[in-house]
C-alpha atoms as a PDB file:
ATOM      1  CA  UNK A   1      45.487  52.034  28.793  1.00  0.00           C
ATOM      2  CA  UNK A   2      41.740  51.897  28.159  1.00  0.00           C
ATOM      3  CA  UNK A   3      42.214  49.745  25.059  1.00  0.00           C
ATOM      4  CA  UNK A   4      44.429  47.354  27.035  1.00  0.00           C
ATOM      5  CA  UNK A   5      41.770  47.144  29.731  1.00  0.00           C
ATOM      6  CA  UNK A   6      39.108  46.208  27.198  1.00  0.00           C
ATOM      7  CA  UNK A   7      41.333  43.559  25.615  1.00  0.00           C
ATOM      8  CA  UNK A   8      41.868  41.942  29.032  1.00  0.00           C
ATOM      9  CA  UNK A   9      38.137  42.186  29.815  1.00  0.00           C
ATOM     10  CA  UNK A  10      37.264  40.596  26.484  1.00  0.00           C
ATOM     11  CA  UNK A  11      39.634  37.693  27.102  1.00  0.00           C
ATOM     12  CA  UNK A  12      38.024  37.068  30.493  1.00  0.00           C
ATOM     13  CA  UNK A  13      34.491  37.415  29.135  1.00  0.00           C
ATOM     14  CA  UNK A  14      35.149  35.119  26.162  1.00  0.00           C
ATOM     15  CA  UNK A  15      36.687  32.561  28.500  1.00  0.00           C
ATOM     16  CA  UNK A  16      33.627  32.704  30.765  1.00  0.00           C
ATOM     17  CA  UNK A  17      31.290  32.427  27.768  1.00  0.00           C
ATOM     18  CA  UNK A  18      33.207  29.417  26.427  1.00  0.00           C
ATOM     19  CA  UNK A  19      33.212  27.784  29.884  1.00  0.00           C
ATOM     20  CA  UNK A  20      29.517  28.501  30.354  1.00  0.00           C
ATOM     21  CA  UNK A  21      28.658  26.893  27.027  1.00  0.00           C
ATOM     22  CA  UNK A  22      30.874  23.820  27.584  1.00  0.00           C
ATOM     23  CA  UNK A  23      29.651  23.070  31.093  1.00  0.00           C
ATOM     24  CA  UNK A  24      26.258  24.094  32.354  1.00  0.00           C
ATOM     25  CA  UNK A  25      27.500  24.220  35.954  1.00  0.00           C
ATOM     26  CA  UNK A  26      29.897  27.187  35.576  1.00  0.00           C
ATOM     27  CA  UNK A  27      28.522  30.183  37.409  1.00  0.00           C
ATOM     28  CA  UNK A  28      25.033  31.426  38.078  1.00  0.00           C
ATOM     29  CA  UNK A  29      24.613  33.685  35.035  1.00  0.00           C
ATOM     30  CA  UNK A  30      22.545  33.055  31.960  1.00  0.00           C
ATOM     31  CA  UNK A  31      24.100  32.218  28.602  1.00  0.00           C
ATOM     32  CA  UNK A  32      22.499  35.218  26.885  1.00  0.00           C
ATOM     33  CA  UNK A  33      24.142  37.506  29.445  1.00  0.00           C
ATOM     34  CA  UNK A  34      27.538  36.074  28.547  1.00  0.00           C
ATOM     35  CA  UNK A  35      26.839  36.627  24.843  1.00  0.00           C
ATOM     36  CA  UNK A  36      25.645  40.164  25.490  1.00  0.00           C
ATOM     37  CA  UNK A  37      28.702  40.960  27.617  1.00  0.00           C
ATOM     38  CA  UNK A  38      31.030  39.651  24.924  1.00  0.00           C
ATOM     39  CA  UNK A  39      29.259  41.686  22.255  1.00  0.00           C
ATOM     40  CA  UNK A  40      29.211  44.839  24.390  1.00  0.00           C
ATOM     41  CA  UNK A  41      32.893  44.695  25.306  1.00  0.00           C
ATOM     42  CA  UNK A  42      33.877  43.984  21.702  1.00  0.00           C
ATOM     43  CA  UNK A  43      31.879  46.962  20.447  1.00  0.00           C
ATOM     44  CA  UNK A  44      33.445  49.206  23.123  1.00  0.00           C
ATOM     45  CA  UNK A  45      36.898  48.058  22.033  1.00  0.00           C
ATOM     46  CA  UNK A  46      36.196  49.015  18.426  1.00  0.00           C
ATOM     47  CA  UNK A  47      34.774  52.369  19.513  1.00  0.00           C
ATOM     48  CA  UNK A  48      37.856  53.167  21.608  1.00  0.00           C
ATOM     49  CA  UNK A  49      40.181  52.155  18.773  1.00  0.00           C
ATOM     50  CA  UNK A  50      38.212  54.406  16.418  1.00  0.00           C
ATOM     51  CA  UNK A  51      38.398  57.262  18.938  1.00  0.00           C
ATOM     52  CA  UNK A  52      42.142  56.754  19.348  1.00  0.00           C
ATOM     53  CA  UNK A  53      42.721  56.796  15.593  1.00  0.00           C
ATOM     54  CA  UNK A  54      40.669  59.954  15.070  1.00  0.00           C
ATOM     55  CA  UNK A  55      42.143  61.793  18.044  1.00  0.00           C
ATOM     56  CA  UNK A  56      45.802  60.842  18.178  1.00  0.00           C
ATOM     57  CA  UNK A  57      46.767  59.735  14.689  1.00  0.00           C
ATOM     58  CA  UNK A  58      48.051  62.528  12.489  1.00  0.00           C
ATOM     59  CA  UNK A  59      46.392  62.197   9.069  1.00  0.00           C
ATOM     60  CA  UNK A  60      47.592  65.561   7.800  1.00  0.00           C
ATOM     61  CA  UNK A  61      50.419  65.472   5.287  1.00  0.00           C
ATOM     62  CA  UNK A  62      53.748  66.529   6.728  1.00  0.00           C
ATOM     63  CA  UNK A  63      55.287  69.695   5.365  1.00  0.00           C
ATOM     64  CA  UNK A  64      58.889  69.336   4.480  1.00  0.00           C
ATOM     65  CA  UNK A  65      61.342  71.732   6.067  1.00  0.00           C
ATOM     66  CA  UNK A  66      62.860  72.633   2.690  1.00  0.00           C
ATOM     67  CA  UNK A  67      59.772  74.450   1.402  1.00  0.00           C
END
């Protein structure tokens, strides 16, 4: 669920950043804040994906039942 949340947040933040760059009248924030927010959310997404892979993915080889 956390990864899905970050994907949705990134879509919204990228959309705002694109809108802010295209038109200077969109919102009251600064452009560097939009870039920083996009970078921060993207890095959090990669960190959560890394955490998920290390925690929930089984990298150990499976033992067969016939042994």
